[in-house]
N, C-alpha and C. Protein backbone atom coordinates (compact mmCIF):
# COMPACT_ATOMS: atom_id res chain seq x y z
N MET A 1 -23.62 6.46 -5.49
CA MET A 1 -23.07 7.28 -6.56
C MET A 1 -21.79 6.63 -7.05
N SER A 2 -21.64 6.55 -8.36
CA SER A 2 -20.47 5.93 -8.95
C SER A 2 -19.33 6.92 -9.03
N HIS A 3 -18.13 6.46 -8.76
CA HIS A 3 -16.94 7.32 -8.80
C HIS A 3 -15.96 6.75 -9.82
N ALA A 4 -15.69 7.46 -10.90
CA ALA A 4 -14.70 7.01 -11.88
C ALA A 4 -13.31 7.38 -11.39
N VAL A 5 -12.34 6.52 -11.64
CA VAL A 5 -10.98 6.83 -11.21
C VAL A 5 -10.32 7.73 -12.23
N SER A 6 -9.13 8.21 -11.88
CA SER A 6 -8.37 9.10 -12.74
C SER A 6 -8.18 8.51 -14.13
N ALA A 7 -8.17 9.36 -15.15
CA ALA A 7 -8.11 8.91 -16.54
C ALA A 7 -6.86 8.09 -16.83
N ARG A 8 -5.78 8.30 -16.10
CA ARG A 8 -4.56 7.56 -16.41
C ARG A 8 -4.67 6.09 -16.01
N PHE A 9 -5.76 5.72 -15.31
CA PHE A 9 -6.00 4.31 -15.00
C PHE A 9 -7.08 3.74 -15.91
N GLY A 10 -7.28 4.36 -17.09
CA GLY A 10 -8.28 3.88 -18.02
C GLY A 10 -9.68 4.17 -17.53
N LYS A 11 -10.60 3.23 -17.77
CA LYS A 11 -12.00 3.46 -17.44
C LYS A 11 -12.42 2.65 -16.22
N ALA A 12 -11.45 2.25 -15.41
CA ALA A 12 -11.79 1.48 -14.20
C ALA A 12 -12.67 2.31 -13.28
N LYS A 13 -13.53 1.65 -12.54
CA LYS A 13 -14.41 2.35 -11.60
C LYS A 13 -14.34 1.64 -10.26
N LEU A 14 -14.77 2.31 -9.22
CA LEU A 14 -14.73 1.71 -7.90
C LEU A 14 -15.77 0.61 -7.80
N SER A 15 -15.40 -0.47 -7.14
CA SER A 15 -16.31 -1.59 -6.96
C SER A 15 -17.03 -1.48 -5.62
N HIS A 16 -18.32 -1.82 -5.61
CA HIS A 16 -19.12 -1.82 -4.40
C HIS A 16 -19.15 -0.44 -3.73
N SER A 17 -19.28 0.60 -4.53
CA SER A 17 -19.24 1.96 -3.98
C SER A 17 -20.52 2.34 -3.26
N HIS A 18 -21.54 1.46 -3.28
CA HIS A 18 -22.79 1.77 -2.59
C HIS A 18 -22.85 1.18 -1.18
N ALA A 19 -21.74 0.63 -0.70
CA ALA A 19 -21.73 0.04 0.64
C ALA A 19 -21.96 1.13 1.68
N PRO A 20 -22.62 0.80 2.81
CA PRO A 20 -22.85 1.81 3.84
C PRO A 20 -21.56 2.20 4.53
N PRO A 21 -21.49 3.39 5.12
CA PRO A 21 -20.28 3.81 5.83
C PRO A 21 -19.96 2.86 6.97
N PRO A 22 -18.68 2.60 7.21
CA PRO A 22 -18.30 1.71 8.32
C PRO A 22 -18.66 2.34 9.66
N VAL A 23 -19.02 1.49 10.63
CA VAL A 23 -19.42 1.99 11.94
C VAL A 23 -18.25 1.98 12.91
N ARG A 24 -17.18 1.28 12.61
CA ARG A 24 -16.01 1.27 13.48
C ARG A 24 -15.02 2.33 13.00
N VAL A 25 -14.03 2.62 13.84
CA VAL A 25 -13.00 3.56 13.43
C VAL A 25 -12.06 2.83 12.46
N VAL A 26 -11.98 3.35 11.27
CA VAL A 26 -11.14 2.76 10.23
C VAL A 26 -9.89 3.62 10.06
N VAL A 27 -8.74 2.97 9.96
CA VAL A 27 -7.47 3.67 9.83
C VAL A 27 -6.81 3.25 8.53
N HIS A 28 -6.34 4.23 7.76
CA HIS A 28 -5.65 3.95 6.50
C HIS A 28 -4.40 4.80 6.39
N GLU A 29 -3.38 4.22 5.80
CA GLU A 29 -2.27 5.01 5.30
C GLU A 29 -2.59 5.38 3.86
N ILE A 30 -2.29 6.61 3.47
CA ILE A 30 -2.60 7.12 2.14
C ILE A 30 -1.34 7.07 1.28
N TYR A 31 -1.47 6.51 0.09
CA TYR A 31 -0.35 6.41 -0.84
C TYR A 31 -0.72 7.00 -2.21
N LEU A 32 0.29 7.52 -2.89
CA LEU A 32 0.19 7.83 -4.31
C LEU A 32 1.27 7.02 -5.00
N GLY A 33 0.87 5.94 -5.66
CA GLY A 33 1.85 4.98 -6.13
C GLY A 33 2.59 4.42 -4.93
N PRO A 34 3.93 4.40 -4.94
CA PRO A 34 4.68 3.87 -3.81
C PRO A 34 4.96 4.90 -2.71
N VAL A 35 4.52 6.15 -2.91
CA VAL A 35 4.87 7.24 -2.00
C VAL A 35 3.83 7.38 -0.88
N HIS A 36 4.33 7.33 0.36
CA HIS A 36 3.47 7.47 1.54
C HIS A 36 3.16 8.94 1.76
N CYS A 37 1.86 9.27 1.79
CA CYS A 37 1.44 10.68 1.87
C CYS A 37 0.87 11.07 3.22
N GLY A 38 0.37 10.10 4.00
CA GLY A 38 -0.21 10.44 5.28
C GLY A 38 -0.97 9.29 5.88
N ILE A 39 -1.63 9.55 7.00
CA ILE A 39 -2.46 8.55 7.67
C ILE A 39 -3.75 9.19 8.12
N MET A 40 -4.84 8.47 7.96
CA MET A 40 -6.16 9.00 8.29
C MET A 40 -6.92 8.03 9.18
N GLU A 41 -7.69 8.59 10.11
CA GLU A 41 -8.65 7.82 10.90
C GLU A 41 -10.04 8.38 10.60
N MET A 42 -10.97 7.50 10.31
CA MET A 42 -12.30 7.93 9.91
C MET A 42 -13.15 8.23 11.15
N LYS A 43 -12.82 9.34 11.81
CA LYS A 43 -13.51 9.79 13.00
C LYS A 43 -13.24 11.29 13.15
N PRO A 44 -14.04 12.02 13.90
CA PRO A 44 -13.73 13.44 14.14
C PRO A 44 -12.36 13.58 14.79
N GLY A 45 -11.61 14.58 14.34
CA GLY A 45 -10.26 14.72 14.89
C GLY A 45 -9.58 16.00 14.46
N ILE A 46 -8.28 15.89 14.20
CA ILE A 46 -7.43 17.03 13.89
C ILE A 46 -6.77 16.81 12.53
N VAL A 47 -6.70 17.86 11.73
CA VAL A 47 -5.95 17.83 10.48
C VAL A 47 -4.58 18.46 10.73
N ARG A 48 -3.52 17.67 10.52
CA ARG A 48 -2.15 18.14 10.71
C ARG A 48 -1.44 18.09 9.37
N GLN A 49 -0.98 19.22 8.91
CA GLN A 49 -0.37 19.31 7.60
C GLN A 49 1.13 19.02 7.65
N ALA A 50 1.69 18.71 6.48
CA ALA A 50 3.10 18.36 6.40
C ALA A 50 4.00 19.58 6.56
N THR A 51 3.50 20.74 6.20
CA THR A 51 4.29 21.96 6.34
C THR A 51 4.25 22.44 7.79
N SER A 52 5.40 22.68 8.36
CA SER A 52 5.49 23.03 9.78
C SER A 52 4.86 24.39 10.08
N SER A 53 4.72 25.23 9.08
CA SER A 53 4.15 26.57 9.30
C SER A 53 2.64 26.56 9.40
N SER A 54 2.01 25.43 9.06
CA SER A 54 0.54 25.35 9.07
C SER A 54 0.04 24.87 10.43
N GLU A 55 -0.93 25.58 10.97
CA GLU A 55 -1.50 25.22 12.26
C GLU A 55 -2.49 24.05 12.12
N PRO A 56 -2.45 23.08 13.04
CA PRO A 56 -3.47 22.02 13.04
C PRO A 56 -4.85 22.63 13.28
N TYR A 57 -5.88 21.95 12.73
CA TYR A 57 -7.24 22.43 12.97
C TYR A 57 -8.20 21.25 13.13
N GLU A 58 -9.26 21.49 13.88
CA GLU A 58 -10.24 20.44 14.13
C GLU A 58 -11.06 20.17 12.87
N HIS A 59 -11.48 18.90 12.75
CA HIS A 59 -12.31 18.52 11.60
C HIS A 59 -13.46 17.64 12.08
N PRO A 60 -14.66 17.81 11.50
CA PRO A 60 -15.84 17.11 12.03
C PRO A 60 -15.90 15.62 11.75
N PHE A 61 -15.16 15.11 10.74
CA PHE A 61 -15.30 13.67 10.46
C PHE A 61 -14.00 12.95 10.13
N ILE A 62 -12.86 13.62 10.20
CA ILE A 62 -11.61 12.93 9.87
C ILE A 62 -10.49 13.37 10.79
N ASP A 63 -9.62 12.42 11.12
CA ASP A 63 -8.36 12.72 11.79
C ASP A 63 -7.27 12.41 10.77
N LEU A 64 -6.48 13.42 10.41
CA LEU A 64 -5.59 13.29 9.27
C LEU A 64 -4.22 13.87 9.59
N LYS A 65 -3.19 13.09 9.31
CA LYS A 65 -1.82 13.58 9.44
C LYS A 65 -1.14 13.42 8.09
N LEU A 66 -0.77 14.54 7.46
CA LEU A 66 -0.10 14.52 6.17
C LEU A 66 1.41 14.62 6.36
N VAL A 67 2.16 13.86 5.56
CA VAL A 67 3.61 13.82 5.72
C VAL A 67 4.35 14.12 4.42
N HIS A 68 3.63 14.35 3.34
CA HIS A 68 4.24 14.54 2.02
C HIS A 68 3.77 15.86 1.43
N ILE A 69 4.66 16.84 1.43
CA ILE A 69 4.28 18.20 1.02
C ILE A 69 3.76 18.28 -0.41
N PRO A 70 4.36 17.61 -1.41
CA PRO A 70 3.89 17.76 -2.79
C PRO A 70 2.43 17.34 -3.02
N THR A 71 1.90 16.40 -2.23
CA THR A 71 0.53 15.96 -2.42
C THR A 71 -0.45 16.59 -1.42
N GLN A 72 0.07 17.39 -0.51
CA GLN A 72 -0.77 17.95 0.56
C GLN A 72 -1.94 18.78 0.02
N ARG A 73 -1.66 19.67 -0.92
CA ARG A 73 -2.72 20.55 -1.43
C ARG A 73 -3.85 19.75 -2.07
N LYS A 74 -3.48 18.72 -2.85
CA LYS A 74 -4.49 17.89 -3.51
C LYS A 74 -5.35 17.14 -2.51
N ILE A 75 -4.73 16.55 -1.50
CA ILE A 75 -5.50 15.80 -0.51
C ILE A 75 -6.44 16.72 0.27
N LEU A 76 -5.97 17.90 0.63
CA LEU A 76 -6.83 18.84 1.36
C LEU A 76 -7.97 19.34 0.48
N ALA A 77 -7.71 19.50 -0.82
CA ALA A 77 -8.78 19.90 -1.74
C ALA A 77 -9.85 18.81 -1.83
N ILE A 78 -9.40 17.54 -1.86
CA ILE A 78 -10.35 16.43 -1.87
C ILE A 78 -11.16 16.41 -0.59
N LEU A 79 -10.50 16.64 0.54
CA LEU A 79 -11.19 16.68 1.84
C LEU A 79 -12.25 17.78 1.86
N ASP A 80 -11.92 18.94 1.31
CA ASP A 80 -12.87 20.06 1.31
C ASP A 80 -14.13 19.73 0.50
N LEU A 81 -14.00 18.89 -0.52
CA LEU A 81 -15.15 18.51 -1.35
C LEU A 81 -15.98 17.38 -0.74
N SER A 82 -15.43 16.70 0.26
CA SER A 82 -16.07 15.50 0.81
C SER A 82 -17.15 15.84 1.82
N THR A 83 -18.21 15.04 1.81
CA THR A 83 -19.33 15.26 2.73
C THR A 83 -19.21 14.47 4.03
N ASP A 84 -18.43 13.39 4.01
CA ASP A 84 -18.18 12.60 5.20
C ASP A 84 -16.92 11.77 4.95
N SER A 85 -16.52 10.99 5.95
CA SER A 85 -15.26 10.24 5.83
C SER A 85 -15.34 9.16 4.75
N PHE A 86 -16.51 8.59 4.56
CA PHE A 86 -16.71 7.56 3.54
C PHE A 86 -16.55 8.18 2.16
N ASP A 87 -17.12 9.37 1.98
CA ASP A 87 -16.99 10.10 0.71
C ASP A 87 -15.53 10.46 0.47
N PHE A 88 -14.82 10.89 1.49
CA PHE A 88 -13.40 11.23 1.39
C PHE A 88 -12.59 10.02 0.95
N GLN A 89 -12.86 8.90 1.56
CA GLN A 89 -12.19 7.65 1.23
C GLN A 89 -12.33 7.34 -0.27
N HIS A 90 -13.53 7.42 -0.78
CA HIS A 90 -13.78 7.07 -2.18
C HIS A 90 -13.30 8.15 -3.15
N ARG A 91 -13.33 9.39 -2.74
CA ARG A 91 -12.79 10.44 -3.60
C ARG A 91 -11.27 10.30 -3.74
N LEU A 92 -10.60 9.91 -2.67
CA LEU A 92 -9.16 9.66 -2.75
C LEU A 92 -8.86 8.58 -3.79
N LEU A 93 -9.61 7.48 -3.73
CA LEU A 93 -9.40 6.40 -4.69
C LEU A 93 -9.69 6.87 -6.11
N SER A 94 -10.74 7.66 -6.27
CA SER A 94 -11.11 8.15 -7.59
C SER A 94 -10.05 9.06 -8.19
N GLU A 95 -9.28 9.72 -7.34
CA GLU A 95 -8.25 10.65 -7.80
C GLU A 95 -6.87 10.01 -7.93
N GLY A 96 -6.82 8.68 -7.79
CA GLY A 96 -5.56 7.98 -8.02
C GLY A 96 -4.76 7.63 -6.78
N PHE A 97 -5.22 8.05 -5.60
CA PHE A 97 -4.56 7.64 -4.36
C PHE A 97 -5.00 6.22 -4.01
N ASP A 98 -4.22 5.56 -3.18
CA ASP A 98 -4.59 4.24 -2.68
C ASP A 98 -4.47 4.23 -1.16
N LEU A 99 -5.13 3.26 -0.54
CA LEU A 99 -5.21 3.17 0.92
C LEU A 99 -4.66 1.83 1.38
N ALA A 100 -3.94 1.83 2.50
CA ALA A 100 -3.32 0.62 3.01
C ALA A 100 -3.50 0.51 4.52
N ALA A 101 -3.51 -0.74 5.01
CA ALA A 101 -3.54 -0.97 6.45
C ALA A 101 -2.25 -0.46 7.07
N PRO A 102 -2.31 0.21 8.21
CA PRO A 102 -1.09 0.75 8.83
C PRO A 102 -0.08 -0.34 9.18
N SER A 103 1.17 -0.06 8.87
CA SER A 103 2.29 -0.91 9.29
C SER A 103 3.37 0.01 9.83
N PRO A 104 3.17 0.55 11.05
CA PRO A 104 4.09 1.58 11.58
C PRO A 104 5.51 1.10 11.77
N GLU A 105 5.69 -0.21 11.86
CA GLU A 105 7.04 -0.73 12.09
C GLU A 105 7.86 -0.79 10.80
N ILE A 106 7.23 -0.54 9.66
CA ILE A 106 7.92 -0.61 8.37
C ILE A 106 8.37 0.78 7.94
N GLU A 107 9.65 0.92 7.60
CA GLU A 107 10.16 2.20 7.12
C GLU A 107 9.53 2.54 5.78
N LYS A 108 9.04 3.77 5.64
CA LYS A 108 8.42 4.21 4.40
C LYS A 108 9.49 4.75 3.46
N LYS A 109 9.59 4.17 2.27
CA LYS A 109 10.56 4.61 1.28
C LYS A 109 9.81 5.11 0.04
N PRO A 110 10.27 6.22 -0.55
CA PRO A 110 9.55 6.80 -1.69
C PRO A 110 9.86 6.12 -3.02
N ILE A 111 10.29 4.88 -2.96
CA ILE A 111 10.58 4.12 -4.17
C ILE A 111 9.89 2.78 -4.04
N GLY A 112 9.76 2.09 -5.15
CA GLY A 112 9.13 0.78 -5.12
C GLY A 112 8.11 0.66 -6.23
N ARG A 113 7.39 -0.43 -6.20
CA ARG A 113 6.39 -0.70 -7.23
C ARG A 113 5.01 -0.84 -6.59
N CYS A 114 4.00 -0.43 -7.34
CA CYS A 114 2.62 -0.53 -6.88
C CYS A 114 1.74 -0.87 -8.07
N TRP A 115 0.74 -1.69 -7.83
CA TRP A 115 -0.21 -2.06 -8.88
C TRP A 115 -1.63 -1.89 -8.37
N ARG A 116 -2.53 -1.50 -9.24
CA ARG A 116 -3.96 -1.53 -8.94
C ARG A 116 -4.55 -2.82 -9.50
N LEU A 117 -5.42 -3.44 -8.72
CA LEU A 117 -6.10 -4.67 -9.14
C LEU A 117 -7.37 -4.27 -9.88
N ILE A 118 -7.45 -4.62 -11.17
CA ILE A 118 -8.57 -4.23 -12.01
C ILE A 118 -9.23 -5.47 -12.59
N SER A 119 -10.55 -5.56 -12.44
CA SER A 119 -11.28 -6.70 -12.99
C SER A 119 -11.43 -6.54 -14.50
N HIS A 120 -11.82 -7.62 -15.17
CA HIS A 120 -12.02 -7.54 -16.62
C HIS A 120 -13.17 -6.59 -16.97
N SER A 121 -14.07 -6.37 -16.02
CA SER A 121 -15.16 -5.41 -16.26
C SER A 121 -14.77 -3.99 -15.85
N LYS A 122 -13.46 -3.79 -15.60
CA LYS A 122 -12.89 -2.48 -15.30
C LYS A 122 -13.29 -1.93 -13.93
N GLU A 123 -13.54 -2.81 -12.98
CA GLU A 123 -13.77 -2.38 -11.61
C GLU A 123 -12.44 -2.34 -10.86
N LEU A 124 -12.29 -1.31 -10.04
CA LEU A 124 -11.12 -1.20 -9.18
C LEU A 124 -11.33 -2.08 -7.95
N LEU A 125 -10.50 -3.12 -7.82
CA LEU A 125 -10.69 -4.11 -6.76
C LEU A 125 -9.73 -3.92 -5.59
N GLY A 126 -8.59 -3.26 -5.81
CA GLY A 126 -7.64 -3.12 -4.71
C GLY A 126 -6.31 -2.59 -5.20
N ALA A 127 -5.31 -2.71 -4.33
CA ALA A 127 -3.95 -2.24 -4.65
C ALA A 127 -2.94 -3.18 -4.00
N LEU A 128 -1.77 -3.28 -4.63
CA LEU A 128 -0.70 -4.16 -4.17
C LEU A 128 0.62 -3.39 -4.25
N TRP A 129 1.44 -3.52 -3.20
CA TRP A 129 2.75 -2.87 -3.15
C TRP A 129 3.84 -3.90 -2.94
N ASP A 130 5.05 -3.62 -3.45
CA ASP A 130 6.17 -4.54 -3.25
C ASP A 130 6.98 -4.14 -2.01
N THR A 131 6.29 -4.00 -0.91
CA THR A 131 6.92 -3.66 0.36
C THR A 131 6.32 -4.53 1.45
N PRO A 132 7.06 -4.86 2.49
CA PRO A 132 6.45 -5.60 3.60
C PRO A 132 5.24 -4.84 4.13
N GLY A 133 4.21 -5.56 4.49
CA GLY A 133 3.00 -4.90 4.98
C GLY A 133 1.92 -5.91 5.31
N ARG A 134 0.70 -5.39 5.42
CA ARG A 134 -0.42 -6.21 5.84
C ARG A 134 -1.56 -6.16 4.84
N LEU A 135 -2.49 -7.06 5.02
CA LEU A 135 -3.70 -7.09 4.22
C LEU A 135 -4.75 -6.18 4.87
N GLY A 136 -5.37 -5.32 4.08
CA GLY A 136 -6.41 -4.44 4.61
C GLY A 136 -7.61 -4.39 3.68
N SER A 137 -8.66 -3.73 4.16
CA SER A 137 -9.85 -3.49 3.34
C SER A 137 -10.37 -2.10 3.69
N LEU A 138 -11.38 -1.63 2.96
CA LEU A 138 -11.90 -0.29 3.20
C LEU A 138 -12.60 -0.16 4.54
N THR A 139 -13.00 -1.27 5.14
CA THR A 139 -13.73 -1.21 6.41
C THR A 139 -13.06 -1.99 7.53
N SER A 140 -11.79 -2.36 7.36
CA SER A 140 -11.18 -3.29 8.30
C SER A 140 -10.61 -2.64 9.55
N GLY A 141 -10.45 -1.32 9.55
CA GLY A 141 -9.80 -0.70 10.69
C GLY A 141 -8.35 -1.14 10.77
N LEU A 142 -7.79 -1.14 11.96
CA LEU A 142 -6.41 -1.58 12.13
C LEU A 142 -6.30 -3.07 11.81
N SER A 143 -5.46 -3.40 10.84
CA SER A 143 -5.33 -4.78 10.43
C SER A 143 -4.58 -5.59 11.49
N VAL A 144 -5.08 -6.77 11.77
CA VAL A 144 -4.39 -7.67 12.71
C VAL A 144 -3.76 -8.82 11.95
N SER A 145 -3.74 -8.72 10.61
CA SER A 145 -3.16 -9.79 9.81
C SER A 145 -1.65 -9.84 10.02
N THR A 146 -1.08 -11.00 9.77
CA THR A 146 0.36 -11.19 9.90
C THR A 146 1.10 -10.35 8.87
N LEU A 147 2.22 -9.81 9.27
CA LEU A 147 3.03 -9.02 8.36
C LEU A 147 3.58 -9.91 7.25
N HIS A 148 3.31 -9.53 6.00
CA HIS A 148 3.85 -10.26 4.86
C HIS A 148 5.24 -9.69 4.56
N PRO A 149 6.25 -10.53 4.37
CA PRO A 149 7.62 -10.03 4.21
C PRO A 149 7.89 -9.32 2.89
N GLN A 150 7.02 -9.51 1.89
CA GLN A 150 7.30 -8.95 0.56
C GLN A 150 6.18 -8.11 -0.03
N ALA A 151 4.99 -8.16 0.53
CA ALA A 151 3.86 -7.51 -0.14
C ALA A 151 2.86 -6.91 0.85
N MET A 152 2.28 -5.80 0.44
CA MET A 152 1.18 -5.16 1.16
C MET A 152 0.00 -5.07 0.18
N MET A 153 -1.20 -5.37 0.66
CA MET A 153 -2.35 -5.38 -0.25
C MET A 153 -3.60 -4.87 0.47
N THR A 154 -4.40 -4.10 -0.25
CA THR A 154 -5.69 -3.65 0.25
C THR A 154 -6.76 -4.03 -0.77
N LEU A 155 -7.90 -4.52 -0.28
CA LEU A 155 -9.02 -4.88 -1.14
C LEU A 155 -10.14 -3.87 -0.95
N TYR A 156 -10.72 -3.42 -2.07
CA TYR A 156 -11.69 -2.33 -2.05
C TYR A 156 -13.13 -2.80 -2.27
N PHE A 157 -13.40 -4.10 -2.17
CA PHE A 157 -14.76 -4.57 -2.43
C PHE A 157 -15.24 -5.47 -1.29
N SER A 158 -16.46 -5.96 -1.42
CA SER A 158 -17.14 -6.63 -0.32
C SER A 158 -16.44 -7.91 0.12
N ALA A 159 -16.30 -8.07 1.43
CA ALA A 159 -15.71 -9.29 1.99
C ALA A 159 -16.60 -10.51 1.77
N ASP A 160 -17.87 -10.30 1.40
CA ASP A 160 -18.79 -11.42 1.14
C ASP A 160 -18.58 -12.01 -0.25
N ASP A 161 -17.84 -11.34 -1.09
CA ASP A 161 -17.60 -11.81 -2.44
C ASP A 161 -16.60 -12.97 -2.41
N PRO A 162 -16.90 -14.09 -3.08
CA PRO A 162 -15.95 -15.21 -3.10
C PRO A 162 -14.56 -14.83 -3.60
N LEU A 163 -14.48 -13.87 -4.51
CA LEU A 163 -13.19 -13.43 -5.00
C LEU A 163 -12.36 -12.77 -3.90
N PHE A 164 -13.03 -12.05 -3.01
CA PHE A 164 -12.35 -11.44 -1.86
C PHE A 164 -11.69 -12.52 -1.02
N GLN A 165 -12.46 -13.58 -0.72
CA GLN A 165 -11.93 -14.66 0.11
C GLN A 165 -10.78 -15.39 -0.59
N ALA A 166 -10.87 -15.53 -1.90
CA ALA A 166 -9.80 -16.18 -2.65
C ALA A 166 -8.51 -15.35 -2.57
N LEU A 167 -8.65 -14.04 -2.65
CA LEU A 167 -7.47 -13.16 -2.55
C LEU A 167 -6.87 -13.19 -1.15
N VAL A 168 -7.73 -13.26 -0.13
CA VAL A 168 -7.24 -13.35 1.24
C VAL A 168 -6.43 -14.63 1.43
N ARG A 169 -6.97 -15.74 0.97
CA ARG A 169 -6.24 -17.02 1.09
C ARG A 169 -4.92 -16.96 0.35
N LEU A 170 -4.92 -16.35 -0.82
CA LEU A 170 -3.70 -16.23 -1.61
C LEU A 170 -2.66 -15.39 -0.87
N TYR A 171 -3.07 -14.28 -0.31
CA TYR A 171 -2.15 -13.38 0.39
C TYR A 171 -1.60 -14.03 1.66
N GLU A 172 -2.45 -14.75 2.37
CA GLU A 172 -2.05 -15.31 3.66
C GLU A 172 -1.27 -16.61 3.55
N SER A 173 -1.13 -17.12 2.34
CA SER A 173 -0.30 -18.32 2.15
C SER A 173 1.15 -17.96 2.41
N LYS A 174 1.73 -18.50 3.42
CA LYS A 174 3.06 -18.09 3.87
C LYS A 174 4.16 -18.51 2.89
N THR A 175 3.84 -19.36 1.93
CA THR A 175 4.85 -19.78 0.97
C THR A 175 4.91 -18.85 -0.23
N LYS A 176 4.01 -17.85 -0.31
CA LYS A 176 3.92 -17.01 -1.49
C LYS A 176 4.95 -15.88 -1.47
N THR A 177 5.81 -15.84 -2.49
CA THR A 177 6.64 -14.68 -2.71
C THR A 177 5.81 -13.63 -3.45
N LEU A 178 6.37 -12.44 -3.64
CA LEU A 178 5.65 -11.42 -4.39
C LEU A 178 5.34 -11.91 -5.80
N ALA A 179 6.30 -12.57 -6.43
CA ALA A 179 6.08 -13.08 -7.78
C ALA A 179 4.95 -14.11 -7.79
N ASP A 180 4.94 -15.00 -6.79
CA ASP A 180 3.88 -15.99 -6.69
C ASP A 180 2.53 -15.31 -6.49
N LEU A 181 2.52 -14.29 -5.63
CA LEU A 181 1.29 -13.58 -5.34
C LEU A 181 0.75 -12.89 -6.59
N ARG A 182 1.61 -12.21 -7.33
CA ARG A 182 1.18 -11.54 -8.56
C ARG A 182 0.64 -12.55 -9.57
N ARG A 183 1.33 -13.68 -9.69
CA ARG A 183 0.88 -14.71 -10.62
C ARG A 183 -0.48 -15.26 -10.21
N GLY A 184 -0.64 -15.47 -8.90
CA GLY A 184 -1.91 -15.99 -8.41
C GLY A 184 -3.06 -15.02 -8.63
N ILE A 185 -2.80 -13.73 -8.43
CA ILE A 185 -3.83 -12.71 -8.66
C ILE A 185 -4.25 -12.71 -10.12
N GLU A 186 -3.28 -12.77 -11.03
CA GLU A 186 -3.59 -12.78 -12.46
C GLU A 186 -4.32 -14.05 -12.85
N ASN A 187 -4.02 -15.18 -12.20
CA ASN A 187 -4.72 -16.43 -12.48
C ASN A 187 -6.18 -16.38 -12.06
N LEU A 188 -6.52 -15.44 -11.17
CA LEU A 188 -7.92 -15.25 -10.76
C LEU A 188 -8.66 -14.35 -11.74
N GLY A 189 -8.01 -13.97 -12.82
CA GLY A 189 -8.66 -13.13 -13.82
C GLY A 189 -8.59 -11.65 -13.54
N ILE A 190 -7.61 -11.24 -12.73
CA ILE A 190 -7.46 -9.83 -12.35
C ILE A 190 -6.24 -9.25 -13.05
N ASP A 191 -6.40 -8.07 -13.62
CA ASP A 191 -5.27 -7.38 -14.23
C ASP A 191 -4.53 -6.57 -13.18
N LEU A 192 -3.21 -6.55 -13.25
CA LEU A 192 -2.38 -5.73 -12.37
C LEU A 192 -1.87 -4.54 -13.19
N SER A 193 -2.41 -3.36 -12.87
CA SER A 193 -2.07 -2.15 -13.61
C SER A 193 -1.03 -1.37 -12.83
N PRO A 194 0.19 -1.20 -13.36
CA PRO A 194 1.23 -0.47 -12.62
C PRO A 194 0.81 0.95 -12.30
N THR A 195 1.11 1.38 -11.08
CA THR A 195 0.79 2.73 -10.63
C THR A 195 2.09 3.45 -10.33
N LEU A 196 2.32 4.54 -11.02
CA LEU A 196 3.53 5.32 -10.84
C LEU A 196 3.23 6.59 -10.06
N TYR A 197 4.23 7.08 -9.35
CA TYR A 197 4.07 8.37 -8.66
C TYR A 197 4.09 9.47 -9.70
N SER A 198 3.04 10.26 -9.74
CA SER A 198 2.94 11.37 -10.67
C SER A 198 2.08 12.45 -10.05
N LEU A 199 2.62 13.66 -9.94
CA LEU A 199 1.85 14.76 -9.38
C LEU A 199 0.77 15.20 -10.35
N PHE A 200 -0.21 15.92 -9.83
CA PHE A 200 -1.40 16.25 -10.59
C PHE A 200 -1.21 17.49 -11.43
């Protein structure tokens, strides 16, 4: 099933949305633009809300900790509509949220810049942040990639695609600054669409 992203990102759509659900436990940090909203593990677990007055509750396919009160209601509404963790993952992307490999050692700041990677055919390929972080994918689980001092990036399409491998090589080049990385991404024919924090 195809999932269109939020209208404020134009007509971009999710790439490779027909991939089978991952079989390993996948962990993502949830962002809206540069704002960190929570962390999810794609396995049965507990939903813990950002508001201290809300009691945690068990969930059949997701373990979720929310840390940002303004986006909590929207994320929980998306979860209620989801049929499984894979569906939840893609619904989040369709609603303008982005997913990143966990970097617990990095302080989360509600400021910064974020871009969505959009192909010329308007496919959503990934997201890039101007904060130290790691390279992740929708099925990578906990990333073991080296911490990049200036950029965090997640790719949302198949690792078998040559473009995926080109982006990995670009990101892992230790000489690349954020400016170099952005220039290299654009040289691969990918548009960088700025993503701003905006409530729904």
